[in-house]
Amino acid sequence: MRLFLVFLSIFFIFNLSGCTTYEKVMDSTIRKYHVTDDRIKLKLPPQMKLAQKEMMRTQMDLLARIAEAFSEDNLKEVERISRERLGWSSIEEKKWSSVAELCGESDFFEFAMVVHRHADELASNARAGDVSKALKSFAGLIENCNACHKRFRH
């Protein structure tokens, strides 16, 4: 109990002094490692940034559901989620072309299109029952998400 109170006291001291705020931690990390963020900053209105971040969190949830479906050997669910929730469509094309136009980054559209096309490929491979190819498509989808985040920031 005494150890718990010591840890609790230390926690409150650091919180009250402001030492654990995200900004301070990141500032000290940047200074320590001489890190610069050379990614392209997307010029989006604040509300659109919030909406896009929410959409990306939703996509992360979908990727987790796909991984879970793989673990259960449920390729029908892999296909369904990939095609219905992540696949490329005329709606996605309109949405991402307008975002790319708004932020002035045509490459952003290409990244978005490739992510959704990987989802289509994943759905097709899952439908065909080819687990190995479906997993490779899944990895490609995630790698492209990461490549976009390496290139762009809010």
Protein backbone atom coordinates (compact mmCIF):
# COMPACT_ATOMS: atom_id res chain seq x y z
CA MET A 1 0.00 0.00 0.00
CA ARG A 2 2.82 2.37 0.89
CA LEU A 3 4.50 1.71 -2.48
CA PHE A 4 1.25 2.47 -4.26
CA LEU A 5 0.96 5.81 -2.44
CA VAL A 6 4.55 6.70 -3.38
CA PHE A 7 3.84 6.01 -7.06
CA LEU A 8 0.57 7.91 -6.85
CA SER A 9 2.36 10.90 -5.27
CA ILE A 10 5.04 10.89 -7.98
CA PHE A 11 2.34 10.69 -10.65
CA PHE A 12 0.52 13.72 -9.24
CA ILE A 13 3.72 15.72 -8.81
CA PHE A 14 4.64 15.20 -12.46
CA ASN A 15 1.11 15.93 -13.62
CA LEU A 16 0.82 19.10 -11.58
CA SER A 17 4.19 20.31 -12.82
CA GLY A 18 3.09 19.68 -16.41
CA CYS A 19 6.01 17.35 -17.14
CA THR A 20 3.87 14.67 -18.72
CA THR A 21 2.07 16.71 -21.33
CA TYR A 22 2.40 15.33 -24.81
CA GLU A 23 3.89 18.53 -26.17
CA LYS A 24 6.65 18.68 -23.57
CA VAL A 25 7.52 15.03 -24.02
CA MET A 26 7.65 15.44 -27.80
CA ASP A 27 9.68 18.67 -27.55
CA SER A 28 12.27 16.99 -25.35
CA THR A 29 12.38 13.96 -27.66
CA ILE A 30 12.89 16.18 -30.69
CA ARG A 31 15.68 18.10 -28.95
CA LYS A 32 17.34 14.93 -27.67
CA TYR A 33 17.37 13.10 -30.99
CA HIS A 34 17.49 16.15 -33.28
CA VAL A 35 14.37 14.92 -35.03
CA THR A 36 12.71 16.97 -37.73
CA ASP A 37 9.37 16.23 -39.31
CA ASP A 38 9.97 16.55 -43.04
CA ARG A 39 6.62 15.11 -44.02
CA ILE A 40 4.33 17.18 -46.22
CA LYS A 41 1.77 19.03 -44.13
CA LEU A 42 -1.71 18.64 -45.59
CA LYS A 43 -3.50 21.96 -45.80
CA LEU A 44 -6.90 20.94 -44.54
CA PRO A 45 -9.45 22.88 -42.47
CA PRO A 46 -9.53 21.83 -38.78
CA GLN A 47 -12.93 20.11 -39.05
CA MET A 48 -11.77 18.09 -42.04
CA LYS A 49 -8.63 17.04 -40.14
CA LEU A 50 -10.81 15.78 -37.29
CA ALA A 51 -13.09 13.93 -39.69
CA GLN A 52 -10.14 12.35 -41.47
CA LYS A 53 -8.55 11.23 -38.22
CA GLU A 54 -11.85 9.65 -37.15
CA MET A 55 -12.07 7.89 -40.52
CA MET A 56 -8.51 6.55 -40.09
CA ARG A 57 -9.37 5.25 -36.60
CA THR A 58 -12.37 3.49 -38.13
CA GLN A 59 -10.11 1.95 -40.76
CA MET A 60 -7.72 0.76 -38.04
CA ASP A 61 -10.69 -0.92 -36.33
CA LEU A 62 -11.58 -2.58 -39.64
CA LEU A 63 -8.00 -3.83 -40.06
CA ALA A 64 -8.21 -5.33 -36.56
CA ARG A 65 -11.50 -7.03 -37.49
CA ILE A 66 -9.87 -8.43 -40.65
CA ALA A 67 -6.93 -9.77 -38.61
CA GLU A 68 -9.42 -11.36 -36.21
CA ALA A 69 -11.30 -12.94 -39.13
CA PHE A 70 -8.01 -14.35 -40.45
CA SER A 71 -7.29 -15.85 -37.02
CA GLU A 72 -10.68 -17.57 -37.13
CA ASP A 73 -10.15 -18.82 -40.72
CA ASN A 74 -13.18 -16.77 -41.72
CA LEU A 75 -12.28 -15.69 -45.25
CA LYS A 76 -15.89 -14.74 -45.98
CA GLU A 77 -15.68 -12.07 -43.29
CA VAL A 78 -12.25 -10.95 -44.58
CA GLU A 79 -13.80 -10.55 -48.02
CA ARG A 80 -16.92 -8.79 -46.76
CA ILE A 81 -15.10 -6.19 -44.69
CA SER A 82 -12.46 -5.61 -47.35
CA ARG A 83 -14.92 -5.16 -50.19
CA GLU A 84 -17.80 -3.41 -48.43
CA ARG A 85 -15.93 -1.17 -46.00
CA LEU A 86 -12.48 -0.61 -47.54
CA GLY A 87 -12.83 -1.26 -51.27
CA TRP A 88 -12.43 1.30 -54.06
CA SER A 89 -15.60 2.81 -55.49
CA SER A 90 -16.80 5.89 -57.34
CA ILE A 91 -17.75 7.37 -53.95
CA GLU A 92 -14.20 6.84 -52.64
CA GLU A 93 -12.78 8.29 -55.86
CA LYS A 94 -14.89 11.45 -55.50
CA LYS A 95 -14.09 11.82 -51.81
CA TRP A 96 -10.33 11.39 -52.17
CA SER A 97 -9.98 13.47 -55.33
CA SER A 98 -11.73 16.37 -53.61
CA VAL A 99 -9.51 16.02 -50.51
CA ALA A 100 -6.38 15.91 -52.69
CA GLU A 101 -7.56 18.97 -54.60
CA LEU A 102 -8.36 20.83 -51.39
CA CYS A 103 -4.96 20.16 -49.85
CA GLY A 104 -3.10 20.62 -53.14
CA GLU A 105 -1.40 17.22 -53.02
CA SER A 106 -2.20 14.98 -55.99
CA ASP A 107 0.01 12.22 -54.53
CA PHE A 108 -2.40 12.01 -51.62
CA PHE A 109 -5.09 10.77 -54.00
CA GLU A 110 -2.73 8.10 -55.36
CA PHE A 111 -1.97 6.82 -51.86
CA ALA A 112 -5.68 6.65 -51.03
CA MET A 113 -6.48 4.83 -54.26
CA VAL A 114 -3.73 2.24 -53.73
CA VAL A 115 -4.91 1.51 -50.17
CA HIS A 116 -8.46 0.87 -51.36
CA ARG A 117 -7.29 -1.17 -54.37
CA HIS A 118 -5.26 -3.37 -52.00
CA ALA A 119 -8.51 -3.91 -50.10
CA ASP A 120 -10.16 -5.03 -53.37
CA GLU A 121 -7.26 -7.38 -54.04
CA LEU A 122 -7.55 -8.71 -50.49
CA ALA A 123 -11.28 -9.33 -51.00
CA SER A 124 -10.66 -11.17 -54.28
CA ASN A 125 -7.95 -13.37 -52.79
CA ALA A 126 -10.12 -14.14 -49.76
CA ARG A 127 -13.04 -15.03 -52.04
CA ALA A 128 -10.75 -17.37 -53.98
CA GLY A 129 -9.80 -19.03 -50.68
CA ASP A 130 -6.10 -18.24 -51.12
CA VAL A 131 -5.01 -17.40 -47.57
CA SER A 132 -1.38 -16.78 -48.52
CA LYS A 133 -2.23 -14.27 -51.26
CA ALA A 134 -4.91 -12.68 -49.07
CA LEU A 135 -2.38 -12.17 -46.26
CA LYS A 136 0.10 -10.65 -48.72
CA SER A 137 -2.61 -8.26 -49.90
CA PHE A 138 -3.42 -7.43 -46.28
CA ALA A 139 0.26 -6.67 -45.62
CA GLY A 140 0.38 -4.51 -48.78
CA LEU A 141 -2.64 -2.55 -47.60
CA ILE A 142 -1.03 -1.86 -44.21
CA GLU A 143 2.35 -1.02 -45.79
CA ASN A 144 0.65 1.53 -48.01
CA CYS A 145 -1.13 3.09 -45.03
CA ASN A 146 2.26 3.46 -43.38
CA ALA A 147 3.85 4.86 -46.56
CA CYS A 148 1.17 7.57 -46.69
CA HIS A 149 1.77 8.47 -43.03
CA LYS A 150 5.51 8.62 -43.72
CA ARG A 151 4.88 11.13 -46.51
CA PHE A 152 2.06 13.29 -45.11
CA ARG A 153 1.00 14.82 -41.79
CA HIS A 154 -1.74 17.12 -40.52
